[in-house]
């Protein structure tokens, strides 16, 4: 394969090549043979974030968690309270409450689950689940092995 690529003037750097590996880290994820999951190093960083002390820190945390939203069912339910602390104008006073602490800790707790998306098997029974509410909508395509 590498010879064919070289014949077509497709450059490669053997020092950067990984051959016969079982998983490949890519953009904060681990790509496995039949699944994709968040990179454990990325999860550890988010899990160890202290309680935010500013609107900027809350936004940063929510953006980090949101990057993993495809792995986190009900993310919007837990993130909504913290999202209200990030107004579009800076006129709102920053007020952290016990409810915010609970929501923050629940979001971090979601990251302790075995987060993984598998490759869809077309030979299995496929299920499309949808949901909608006043705050959002969602869909999940799954299969039973």
N, C-alpha and C. Protein backbone atom coordinates (compact mmCIF):
# COMPACT_ATOMS: atom_id res chain seq x y z
N UNK A 1 0.83 -1.18 0.00
CA UNK A 1 0.00 0.00 0.00
C UNK A 1 0.88 1.25 0.00
N UNK A 2 1.90 1.26 0.86
CA UNK A 2 2.78 2.43 0.91
C UNK A 2 3.51 2.62 -0.41
N UNK A 3 3.87 1.52 -1.07
CA UNK A 3 4.53 1.61 -2.37
C UNK A 3 3.59 2.24 -3.39
N UNK A 4 2.32 1.84 -3.38
CA UNK A 4 1.34 2.41 -4.31
C UNK A 4 1.17 3.90 -4.07
N UNK A 5 1.15 4.31 -2.81
CA UNK A 5 1.04 5.73 -2.49
C UNK A 5 2.26 6.49 -2.98
N UNK A 6 3.44 5.90 -2.79
CA UNK A 6 4.67 6.55 -3.24
C UNK A 6 4.69 6.69 -4.76
N UNK A 7 4.19 5.67 -5.46
CA UNK A 7 4.14 5.72 -6.92
C UNK A 7 3.25 6.85 -7.43
N UNK A 8 2.29 7.26 -6.62
CA UNK A 8 1.38 8.35 -7.00
C UNK A 8 1.84 9.68 -6.41
N UNK A 9 3.09 9.74 -5.97
CA UNK A 9 3.67 10.96 -5.38
C UNK A 9 2.93 11.41 -4.13
N UNK A 10 2.40 10.47 -3.39
CA UNK A 10 1.74 10.76 -2.11
C UNK A 10 2.79 10.60 -1.03
N UNK A 11 3.20 11.71 -0.44
CA UNK A 11 4.26 11.67 0.56
C UNK A 11 3.79 11.10 1.88
N UNK A 12 4.70 10.48 2.60
CA UNK A 12 4.42 9.98 3.94
C UNK A 12 5.69 10.03 4.77
N UNK A 13 5.51 10.15 6.05
CA UNK A 13 6.63 10.19 6.99
C UNK A 13 6.52 8.95 7.86
N UNK A 14 7.41 8.00 7.68
CA UNK A 14 7.33 6.73 8.41
C UNK A 14 7.41 6.93 9.92
N UNK A 15 8.07 7.99 10.36
CA UNK A 15 8.15 8.24 11.80
C UNK A 15 6.78 8.58 12.38
N UNK A 16 5.88 9.08 11.54
CA UNK A 16 4.53 9.44 11.99
C UNK A 16 3.50 8.35 11.68
N UNK A 17 3.89 7.32 10.96
CA UNK A 17 2.96 6.25 10.59
C UNK A 17 2.79 5.26 11.74
N UNK A 18 1.57 4.79 11.90
CA UNK A 18 1.26 3.73 12.86
C UNK A 18 0.61 2.60 12.08
N UNK A 19 1.23 1.44 12.14
CA UNK A 19 0.72 0.29 11.40
C UNK A 19 0.31 -0.81 12.38
N UNK A 20 -0.75 -1.53 12.06
CA UNK A 20 -1.23 -2.67 12.85
C UNK A 20 -1.53 -2.30 14.30
N UNK A 21 -2.19 -1.17 14.50
CA UNK A 21 -2.57 -0.75 15.86
C UNK A 21 -4.05 -1.06 16.08
N UNK A 22 -4.43 -1.23 17.34
CA UNK A 22 -5.83 -1.55 17.64
C UNK A 22 -6.68 -0.31 17.87
N UNK A 23 -6.03 0.82 18.16
CA UNK A 23 -6.77 2.07 18.30
C UNK A 23 -5.88 3.23 17.90
N UNK A 24 -6.53 4.30 17.45
CA UNK A 24 -5.82 5.48 16.98
C UNK A 24 -6.42 6.71 17.66
N UNK A 25 -5.60 7.49 18.37
CA UNK A 25 -6.12 8.74 18.93
C UNK A 25 -6.32 9.76 17.81
N UNK A 26 -7.48 10.45 17.84
CA UNK A 26 -7.78 11.42 16.80
C UNK A 26 -8.74 12.46 17.35
N UNK A 27 -8.30 13.71 17.41
CA UNK A 27 -9.13 14.84 17.84
C UNK A 27 -9.88 14.58 19.15
N UNK A 28 -9.17 14.09 20.15
CA UNK A 28 -9.77 13.87 21.46
C UNK A 28 -10.59 12.60 21.58
N UNK A 29 -10.52 11.74 20.56
CA UNK A 29 -11.25 10.48 20.56
C UNK A 29 -10.27 9.33 20.33
N UNK A 30 -10.70 8.12 20.66
CA UNK A 30 -9.98 6.91 20.29
C UNK A 30 -10.83 6.19 19.26
N UNK A 31 -10.25 5.95 18.09
CA UNK A 31 -10.94 5.22 17.04
C UNK A 31 -10.53 3.76 17.18
N UNK A 32 -11.50 2.90 17.47
CA UNK A 32 -11.27 1.46 17.62
C UNK A 32 -11.78 0.75 16.37
N UNK A 33 -11.57 -0.55 16.28
CA UNK A 33 -11.99 -1.28 15.09
C UNK A 33 -13.50 -1.26 14.89
N UNK A 34 -14.28 -1.28 15.97
CA UNK A 34 -15.73 -1.32 15.82
C UNK A 34 -16.43 -0.26 16.67
N UNK A 35 -15.68 0.74 17.14
CA UNK A 35 -16.29 1.75 18.01
C UNK A 35 -15.43 3.01 18.04
N UNK A 36 -16.01 4.04 18.62
CA UNK A 36 -15.30 5.29 18.87
C UNK A 36 -15.63 5.70 20.31
N UNK A 37 -14.62 6.20 21.01
CA UNK A 37 -14.83 6.61 22.40
C UNK A 37 -13.96 7.82 22.69
N UNK A 38 -14.31 8.60 23.70
CA UNK A 38 -13.47 9.74 24.06
C UNK A 38 -12.11 9.26 24.56
N UNK A 39 -11.09 10.04 24.26
CA UNK A 39 -9.75 9.72 24.75
C UNK A 39 -9.74 9.87 26.27
N UNK A 40 -9.32 8.84 27.00
CA UNK A 40 -9.32 8.92 28.47
C UNK A 40 -8.53 10.12 29.01
N UNK A 41 -7.50 10.54 28.31
CA UNK A 41 -6.73 11.71 28.76
C UNK A 41 -7.59 12.97 28.72
N UNK A 42 -8.41 13.10 27.69
CA UNK A 42 -9.31 14.25 27.59
C UNK A 42 -10.36 14.21 28.70
N UNK A 43 -10.87 13.02 28.99
CA UNK A 43 -11.87 12.88 30.05
C UNK A 43 -11.28 13.25 31.41
N UNK A 44 -10.05 12.83 31.66
CA UNK A 44 -9.41 13.14 32.95
C UNK A 44 -9.27 14.64 33.16
N UNK A 45 -8.95 15.35 32.10
CA UNK A 45 -8.81 16.81 32.20
C UNK A 45 -10.14 17.43 32.63
N UNK A 46 -11.24 17.00 32.00
CA UNK A 46 -12.56 17.56 32.32
C UNK A 46 -13.00 17.14 33.72
N UNK A 47 -12.75 15.88 34.08
CA UNK A 47 -13.15 15.39 35.40
C UNK A 47 -12.47 16.14 36.54
N UNK A 48 -11.27 16.65 36.28
CA UNK A 48 -10.49 17.32 37.32
C UNK A 48 -10.67 18.83 37.35
N UNK A 49 -11.59 19.35 36.56
CA UNK A 49 -11.85 20.79 36.56
C UNK A 49 -12.49 21.18 37.90
N UNK A 50 -11.95 22.20 38.56
CA UNK A 50 -12.58 22.65 39.81
C UNK A 50 -13.86 23.44 39.51
N UNK A 51 -14.65 23.69 40.53
CA UNK A 51 -15.87 24.48 40.36
C UNK A 51 -15.52 25.83 39.76
N UNK A 52 -16.17 26.20 38.65
CA UNK A 52 -15.86 27.47 37.98
C UNK A 52 -16.13 28.67 38.88
N UNK A 53 -15.25 29.66 38.79
CA UNK A 53 -15.39 30.87 39.60
C UNK A 53 -15.74 32.09 38.76
N UNK A 54 -15.97 31.88 37.46
CA UNK A 54 -16.32 33.00 36.59
C UNK A 54 -17.15 32.50 35.42
N UNK A 55 -17.77 33.43 34.73
CA UNK A 55 -18.57 33.10 33.55
C UNK A 55 -17.67 32.48 32.47
N UNK A 56 -16.47 33.01 32.33
CA UNK A 56 -15.53 32.48 31.33
C UNK A 56 -15.19 31.02 31.62
N UNK A 57 -14.98 30.68 32.88
CA UNK A 57 -14.65 29.30 33.27
C UNK A 57 -15.84 28.37 33.04
N UNK A 58 -17.05 28.86 33.28
CA UNK A 58 -18.25 28.05 33.03
C UNK A 58 -18.38 27.77 31.54
N UNK A 59 -18.20 28.81 30.73
CA UNK A 59 -18.29 28.62 29.28
C UNK A 59 -17.26 27.60 28.80
N UNK A 60 -16.04 27.72 29.30
CA UNK A 60 -14.98 26.79 28.91
C UNK A 60 -15.35 25.35 29.27
N UNK A 61 -15.86 25.15 30.49
CA UNK A 61 -16.27 23.82 30.92
C UNK A 61 -17.39 23.28 30.04
N UNK A 62 -18.42 24.10 29.79
CA UNK A 62 -19.55 23.66 28.98
C UNK A 62 -19.13 23.33 27.55
N UNK A 63 -18.20 24.09 27.01
CA UNK A 63 -17.71 23.81 25.66
C UNK A 63 -16.96 22.49 25.62
N UNK A 64 -16.17 22.21 26.65
CA UNK A 64 -15.44 20.94 26.72
C UNK A 64 -16.40 19.76 26.80
N UNK A 65 -17.41 19.88 27.64
CA UNK A 65 -18.40 18.80 27.80
C UNK A 65 -19.23 18.67 26.52
N UNK A 66 -19.59 19.79 25.93
CA UNK A 66 -20.41 19.77 24.72
C UNK A 66 -19.69 19.08 23.56
N UNK A 67 -18.37 19.16 23.53
CA UNK A 67 -17.60 18.48 22.48
C UNK A 67 -17.85 16.97 22.52
N UNK A 68 -18.20 16.46 23.69
CA UNK A 68 -18.45 15.03 23.86
C UNK A 68 -19.94 14.70 23.87
N UNK A 69 -20.80 15.62 23.43
CA UNK A 69 -22.25 15.47 23.56
C UNK A 69 -22.79 14.21 22.89
N UNK A 70 -22.15 13.74 21.85
CA UNK A 70 -22.67 12.54 21.19
C UNK A 70 -22.56 11.30 22.08
N UNK A 71 -21.73 11.37 23.12
CA UNK A 71 -21.57 10.25 24.06
C UNK A 71 -22.42 10.42 25.32
N UNK A 72 -23.04 11.58 25.49
CA UNK A 72 -23.68 11.92 26.77
C UNK A 72 -25.19 12.10 26.63
N UNK A 73 -25.95 11.04 26.89
CA UNK A 73 -27.40 11.20 26.84
C UNK A 73 -27.87 12.16 27.94
N UNK A 74 -28.88 12.92 27.65
CA UNK A 74 -29.47 13.87 28.59
C UNK A 74 -28.52 15.00 28.98
N UNK A 75 -27.53 15.27 28.17
CA UNK A 75 -26.57 16.34 28.47
C UNK A 75 -27.28 17.67 28.67
N UNK A 76 -28.22 17.97 27.81
CA UNK A 76 -28.91 19.26 27.87
C UNK A 76 -29.63 19.44 29.21
N UNK A 77 -30.20 18.36 29.73
CA UNK A 77 -30.92 18.45 31.01
C UNK A 77 -29.99 18.91 32.13
N UNK A 78 -28.78 18.40 32.14
CA UNK A 78 -27.83 18.74 33.21
C UNK A 78 -27.14 20.08 32.97
N UNK A 79 -26.92 20.41 31.70
CA UNK A 79 -26.17 21.62 31.38
C UNK A 79 -27.03 22.88 31.38
N UNK A 80 -28.34 22.74 31.34
CA UNK A 80 -29.22 23.90 31.21
C UNK A 80 -29.02 24.92 32.33
N UNK A 81 -28.95 24.48 33.57
CA UNK A 81 -28.80 25.40 34.69
C UNK A 81 -27.50 26.19 34.58
N UNK A 82 -26.41 25.51 34.22
CA UNK A 82 -25.13 26.21 34.08
C UNK A 82 -25.15 27.14 32.87
N UNK A 83 -25.87 26.73 31.84
CA UNK A 83 -25.97 27.57 30.64
C UNK A 83 -26.61 28.92 30.96
N UNK A 84 -27.54 28.93 31.89
CA UNK A 84 -28.20 30.19 32.28
C UNK A 84 -27.23 31.15 32.98
N UNK A 85 -26.10 30.64 33.45
CA UNK A 85 -25.10 31.52 34.07
C UNK A 85 -24.20 32.19 33.05
N UNK A 86 -24.39 31.87 31.77
CA UNK A 86 -23.55 32.43 30.71
C UNK A 86 -24.39 33.32 29.79
N UNK A 87 -24.76 34.50 30.27
CA UNK A 87 -25.63 35.38 29.48
C UNK A 87 -24.89 35.93 28.26
N UNK A 88 -25.68 36.39 27.30
CA UNK A 88 -25.07 36.99 26.12
C UNK A 88 -24.53 38.38 26.43
N UNK A 89 -25.10 39.05 27.41
CA UNK A 89 -24.55 40.34 27.84
C UNK A 89 -23.94 40.15 29.23
N UNK A 90 -22.95 40.91 29.54
CA UNK A 90 -22.24 40.76 30.82
C UNK A 90 -22.94 41.52 31.95
N UNK A 91 -24.19 41.89 31.76
CA UNK A 91 -24.90 42.65 32.78
C UNK A 91 -25.41 41.77 33.93
N UNK A 92 -25.53 40.47 33.68
CA UNK A 92 -26.04 39.57 34.72
C UNK A 92 -24.94 39.27 35.72
N UNK A 93 -25.28 39.31 36.98
CA UNK A 93 -24.32 39.03 38.05
C UNK A 93 -24.09 37.52 38.13
N UNK A 94 -22.85 37.15 38.37
CA UNK A 94 -22.48 35.74 38.51
C UNK A 94 -22.90 35.25 39.89
N UNK A 95 -23.84 34.31 39.94
CA UNK A 95 -24.32 33.78 41.21
C UNK A 95 -24.32 32.25 41.17
N UNK A 96 -23.34 31.65 41.82
CA UNK A 96 -23.23 30.19 41.89
C UNK A 96 -24.04 29.69 43.07
N UNK A 97 -24.87 28.68 42.85
CA UNK A 97 -25.74 28.16 43.91
C UNK A 97 -25.44 26.68 44.16
N UNK A 98 -26.09 26.12 45.18
CA UNK A 98 -25.95 24.69 45.45
C UNK A 98 -26.48 23.87 44.27
N UNK A 99 -27.53 24.37 43.62
CA UNK A 99 -28.07 23.68 42.44
C UNK A 99 -27.04 23.65 41.31
N UNK A 100 -26.28 24.72 41.18
CA UNK A 100 -25.22 24.77 40.17
C UNK A 100 -24.15 23.73 40.47
N UNK A 101 -23.79 23.62 41.75
CA UNK A 101 -22.80 22.62 42.16
C UNK A 101 -23.29 21.22 41.84
N UNK A 102 -24.57 20.96 42.11
CA UNK A 102 -25.15 19.64 41.82
C UNK A 102 -25.11 19.36 40.32
N UNK A 103 -25.52 20.33 39.51
CA UNK A 103 -25.51 20.16 38.05
C UNK A 103 -24.09 19.95 37.54
N UNK A 104 -23.15 20.73 38.06
CA UNK A 104 -21.74 20.62 37.67
C UNK A 104 -21.22 19.22 37.98
N UNK A 105 -21.49 18.73 39.18
CA UNK A 105 -21.02 17.40 39.58
C UNK A 105 -21.70 16.29 38.79
N UNK A 106 -22.98 16.47 38.43
CA UNK A 106 -23.67 15.47 37.62
C UNK A 106 -23.06 15.39 36.22
N UNK A 107 -22.70 16.54 35.67
CA UNK A 107 -22.05 16.54 34.36
C UNK A 107 -20.73 15.79 34.41
N UNK A 108 -19.96 16.04 35.46
CA UNK A 108 -18.68 15.34 35.60
C UNK A 108 -18.90 13.84 35.84
N UNK A 109 -19.98 13.50 36.55
CA UNK A 109 -20.30 12.10 36.81
C UNK A 109 -20.66 11.36 35.52
N UNK A 110 -21.33 12.05 34.60
CA UNK A 110 -21.65 11.44 33.31
C UNK A 110 -20.39 10.94 32.61
N UNK A 111 -19.29 11.64 32.84
CA UNK A 111 -18.03 11.29 32.17
C UNK A 111 -17.35 10.07 32.77
N UNK A 112 -17.89 9.53 33.86
CA UNK A 112 -17.30 8.33 34.45
C UNK A 112 -17.90 7.06 33.86
N UNK A 113 -18.99 7.20 33.11
CA UNK A 113 -19.61 6.04 32.46
C UNK A 113 -18.73 5.53 31.33
N UNK A 114 -19.00 4.32 30.88
CA UNK A 114 -18.28 3.77 29.73
C UNK A 114 -18.86 4.41 28.48
N UNK A 115 -18.24 5.47 28.03
CA UNK A 115 -18.73 6.23 26.89
C UNK A 115 -18.19 5.62 25.61
N UNK A 116 -19.10 5.15 24.77
CA UNK A 116 -18.66 4.49 23.55
C UNK A 116 -19.79 4.47 22.54
N UNK A 117 -19.46 4.72 21.29
CA UNK A 117 -20.41 4.57 20.19
C UNK A 117 -19.89 3.44 19.31
N UNK A 118 -20.76 2.51 18.98
CA UNK A 118 -20.34 1.39 18.15
C UNK A 118 -20.74 1.62 16.70
N UNK A 119 -20.06 0.92 15.82
CA UNK A 119 -20.40 0.97 14.41
C UNK A 119 -21.73 0.24 14.22
N UNK A 120 -22.63 0.85 13.48
CA UNK A 120 -23.95 0.25 13.26
C UNK A 120 -23.82 -1.04 12.46
N UNK A 121 -24.44 -2.09 12.96
CA UNK A 121 -24.45 -3.38 12.29
C UNK A 121 -25.77 -3.50 11.52
N UNK A 122 -25.72 -3.47 10.19
CA UNK A 122 -26.96 -3.49 9.41
C UNK A 122 -27.74 -4.80 9.54
N UNK A 123 -27.11 -5.85 10.05
CA UNK A 123 -27.80 -7.13 10.22
C UNK A 123 -28.59 -7.21 11.51
N UNK A 124 -28.44 -6.22 12.38
CA UNK A 124 -29.14 -6.22 13.67
C UNK A 124 -30.42 -5.38 13.58
N UNK A 125 -31.31 -5.60 14.53
CA UNK A 125 -32.53 -4.81 14.63
C UNK A 125 -32.14 -3.36 14.94
N UNK A 126 -32.61 -2.42 14.12
CA UNK A 126 -32.27 -1.01 14.28
C UNK A 126 -33.44 -0.27 14.92
N UNK A 127 -33.11 0.62 15.86
CA UNK A 127 -34.13 1.39 16.59
C UNK A 127 -33.81 2.87 16.47
N UNK A 128 -34.82 3.67 16.11
CA UNK A 128 -34.68 5.12 16.10
C UNK A 128 -35.55 5.67 17.22
N UNK A 129 -34.92 6.27 18.23
CA UNK A 129 -35.64 6.87 19.35
C UNK A 129 -35.52 8.38 19.24
N UNK A 130 -36.64 9.09 19.38
CA UNK A 130 -36.63 10.54 19.31
C UNK A 130 -37.28 11.12 20.55
N UNK A 131 -36.96 12.38 20.83
CA UNK A 131 -37.54 13.06 21.98
C UNK A 131 -37.49 14.56 21.72
N UNK A 132 -38.43 15.27 22.29
CA UNK A 132 -38.46 16.72 22.16
C UNK A 132 -39.08 17.31 23.40
N UNK A 133 -38.66 18.53 23.72
CA UNK A 133 -39.23 19.25 24.86
C UNK A 133 -39.14 20.74 24.55
N UNK A 134 -39.46 21.55 25.53
CA UNK A 134 -39.38 23.00 25.34
C UNK A 134 -37.94 23.50 25.25
N UNK A 135 -36.98 22.68 25.71
CA UNK A 135 -35.59 23.14 25.71
C UNK A 135 -34.73 22.49 24.65
N UNK A 136 -35.22 21.48 23.95
CA UNK A 136 -34.39 20.86 22.93
C UNK A 136 -35.05 19.65 22.30
N UNK A 137 -34.32 19.03 21.38
CA UNK A 137 -34.78 17.81 20.75
C UNK A 137 -33.59 16.89 20.56
N UNK A 138 -33.88 15.60 20.41
CA UNK A 138 -32.79 14.64 20.26
C UNK A 138 -33.27 13.43 19.48
N UNK A 139 -32.30 12.68 19.00
CA UNK A 139 -32.57 11.42 18.31
C UNK A 139 -31.41 10.49 18.58
N UNK A 140 -31.71 9.21 18.64
CA UNK A 140 -30.68 8.20 18.87
C UNK A 140 -30.95 7.02 17.96
N UNK A 141 -29.99 6.67 17.14
CA UNK A 141 -30.08 5.49 16.30
C UNK A 141 -29.26 4.40 16.97
N UNK A 142 -29.90 3.29 17.30
CA UNK A 142 -29.20 2.21 17.99
C UNK A 142 -29.58 0.88 17.37
N UNK A 143 -28.88 -0.15 17.80
CA UNK A 143 -29.21 -1.49 17.33
C UNK A 143 -29.04 -2.49 18.46
N UNK A 144 -29.75 -3.61 18.33
CA UNK A 144 -29.66 -4.68 19.32
C UNK A 144 -28.86 -5.81 18.69
N UNK A 145 -27.76 -6.15 19.32
CA UNK A 145 -26.87 -7.19 18.78
C UNK A 145 -27.41 -8.57 19.04
